[in-house]
């Protein structure tokens, strides 16, 4: 299961926040590409609420635990 819900930023943040979304998915096996965050010039703040996020860049892998803020961009 993979789901994405989009939310508009509140009025006070609209000048600096382009979009807010929630991504939900069931657990996946290592190497199973489920979600790709590409460099597009936007800074992304990612906060996993349930379940860790595993990422790989080249040969380097990292596991981001729940409630640990990730900065990407």
C-alpha atoms as a PDB file:
ATOM      1  CA  UNK A   1       0.000   0.000   0.000  1.00  0.00           C
ATOM      2  CA  UNK A   2       1.290   3.452  -0.919  1.00  0.00           C
ATOM      3  CA  UNK A   3      -0.713   6.618  -0.375  1.00  0.00           C
ATOM      4  CA  UNK A   4       0.007  10.326  -0.606  1.00  0.00           C
ATOM      5  CA  UNK A   5      -2.231  13.051   0.835  1.00  0.00           C
ATOM      6  CA  UNK A   6      -1.610  16.714   0.054  1.00  0.00           C
ATOM      7  CA  UNK A   7      -2.396  19.581   2.426  1.00  0.00           C
ATOM      8  CA  UNK A   8      -2.250  23.313   1.708  1.00  0.00           C
ATOM      9  CA  UNK A   9       0.141  25.250   3.967  1.00  0.00           C
ATOM     10  CA  UNK A  10      -1.476  27.689   6.367  1.00  0.00           C
ATOM     11  CA  UNK A  11      -1.636  31.277   5.162  1.00  0.00           C
ATOM     12  CA  UNK A  12       1.322  32.379   7.330  1.00  0.00           C
ATOM     13  CA  UNK A  13       3.607  29.801   5.661  1.00  0.00           C
ATOM     14  CA  UNK A  14       2.501  30.111   2.030  1.00  0.00           C
ATOM     15  CA  UNK A  15       5.377  32.435   1.143  1.00  0.00           C
ATOM     16  CA  UNK A  16       7.996  29.902   2.237  1.00  0.00           C
ATOM     17  CA  UNK A  17       6.299  26.468   2.097  1.00  0.00           C
ATOM     18  CA  UNK A  18       5.407  25.197  -1.363  1.00  0.00           C
ATOM     19  CA  UNK A  19       3.511  22.079  -0.329  1.00  0.00           C
ATOM     20  CA  UNK A  20       2.821  19.743   2.553  1.00  0.00           C
ATOM     21  CA  UNK A  21       2.081  16.085   2.024  1.00  0.00           C
ATOM     22  CA  UNK A  22       1.820  12.870   3.971  1.00  0.00           C
ATOM     23  CA  UNK A  23       3.185   9.659   2.496  1.00  0.00           C
ATOM     24  CA  UNK A  24       1.993   6.301   3.806  1.00  0.00           C
ATOM     25  CA  UNK A  25       3.243   2.881   2.777  1.00  0.00           C
ATOM     26  CA  UNK A  26       3.457  -0.625   4.095  1.00  0.00           C
ATOM     27  CA  UNK A  27       6.885  -2.037   5.049  1.00  0.00           C
ATOM     28  CA  UNK A  28       9.170  -2.842   2.133  1.00  0.00           C
ATOM     29  CA  UNK A  29      12.156  -5.088   1.603  1.00  0.00           C
ATOM     30  CA  UNK A  30      15.659  -3.552   1.338  1.00  0.00           C
ATOM     31  CA  UNK A  31      16.293  -2.489  -2.249  1.00  0.00           C
ATOM     32  CA  UNK A  32      12.578  -2.182  -3.026  1.00  0.00           C
ATOM     33  CA  UNK A  33      12.276   1.299  -4.576  1.00  0.00           C
ATOM     34  CA  UNK A  34       9.065   2.722  -3.135  1.00  0.00           C
ATOM     35  CA  UNK A  35       9.690   6.425  -2.954  1.00  0.00           C
ATOM     36  CA  UNK A  36      12.211   8.625  -4.682  1.00  0.00           C
ATOM     37  CA  UNK A  37      13.075  12.102  -3.425  1.00  0.00           C
ATOM     38  CA  UNK A  38      14.793  13.836  -6.301  1.00  0.00           C
ATOM     39  CA  UNK A  39      16.835  17.048  -6.222  1.00  0.00           C
ATOM     40  CA  UNK A  40      14.538  19.686  -7.688  1.00  0.00           C
ATOM     41  CA  UNK A  41      15.799  22.850  -6.035  1.00  0.00           C
ATOM     42  CA  UNK A  42      13.299  22.625  -3.145  1.00  0.00           C
ATOM     43  CA  UNK A  43      14.376  21.950   0.419  1.00  0.00           C
ATOM     44  CA  UNK A  44      12.458  19.079   2.001  1.00  0.00           C
ATOM     45  CA  UNK A  45      11.895  18.475   5.721  1.00  0.00           C
ATOM     46  CA  UNK A  46      10.931  14.852   6.274  1.00  0.00           C
ATOM     47  CA  UNK A  47       9.669  13.486   9.583  1.00  0.00           C
ATOM     48  CA  UNK A  48       8.877   9.777   9.830  1.00  0.00           C
ATOM     49  CA  UNK A  49       5.988   9.247  12.272  1.00  0.00           C
ATOM     50  CA  UNK A  50       5.744   5.446  12.143  1.00  0.00           C
ATOM     51  CA  UNK A  51       8.519   3.231  10.862  1.00  0.00           C
ATOM     52  CA  UNK A  52      12.039   4.181   9.919  1.00  0.00           C
ATOM     53  CA  UNK A  53      13.052   5.492   6.501  1.00  0.00           C
ATOM     54  CA  UNK A  54      15.885   3.704   4.729  1.00  0.00           C
ATOM     55  CA  UNK A  55      17.785   5.539   2.016  1.00  0.00           C
ATOM     56  CA  UNK A  56      20.701   4.773  -0.253  1.00  0.00           C
ATOM     57  CA  UNK A  57      22.930   7.120  -2.233  1.00  0.00           C
ATOM     58  CA  UNK A  58      25.467   5.195  -4.267  1.00  0.00           C
ATOM     59  CA  UNK A  59      26.973   2.560  -1.973  1.00  0.00           C
ATOM     60  CA  UNK A  60      26.094   4.460   1.219  1.00  0.00           C
ATOM     61  CA  UNK A  61      22.982   3.375   3.121  1.00  0.00           C
ATOM     62  CA  UNK A  62      21.349   5.135   6.049  1.00  0.00           C
ATOM     63  CA  UNK A  63      18.441   4.277   8.327  1.00  0.00           C
ATOM     64  CA  UNK A  64      16.507   7.269   9.694  1.00  0.00           C
ATOM     65  CA  UNK A  65      14.572   6.334  12.862  1.00  0.00           C
ATOM     66  CA  UNK A  66      11.056   7.459  13.758  1.00  0.00           C
ATOM     67  CA  UNK A  67      10.730  11.079  14.932  1.00  0.00           C
ATOM     68  CA  UNK A  68      14.147  12.071  13.584  1.00  0.00           C
ATOM     69  CA  UNK A  69      13.977  15.066  11.246  1.00  0.00           C
ATOM     70  CA  UNK A  70      15.613  14.642   7.833  1.00  0.00           C
ATOM     71  CA  UNK A  71      16.720  17.619   5.715  1.00  0.00           C
ATOM     72  CA  UNK A  72      17.023  16.991   1.980  1.00  0.00           C
ATOM     73  CA  UNK A  73      17.419  19.271  -0.973  1.00  0.00           C
END
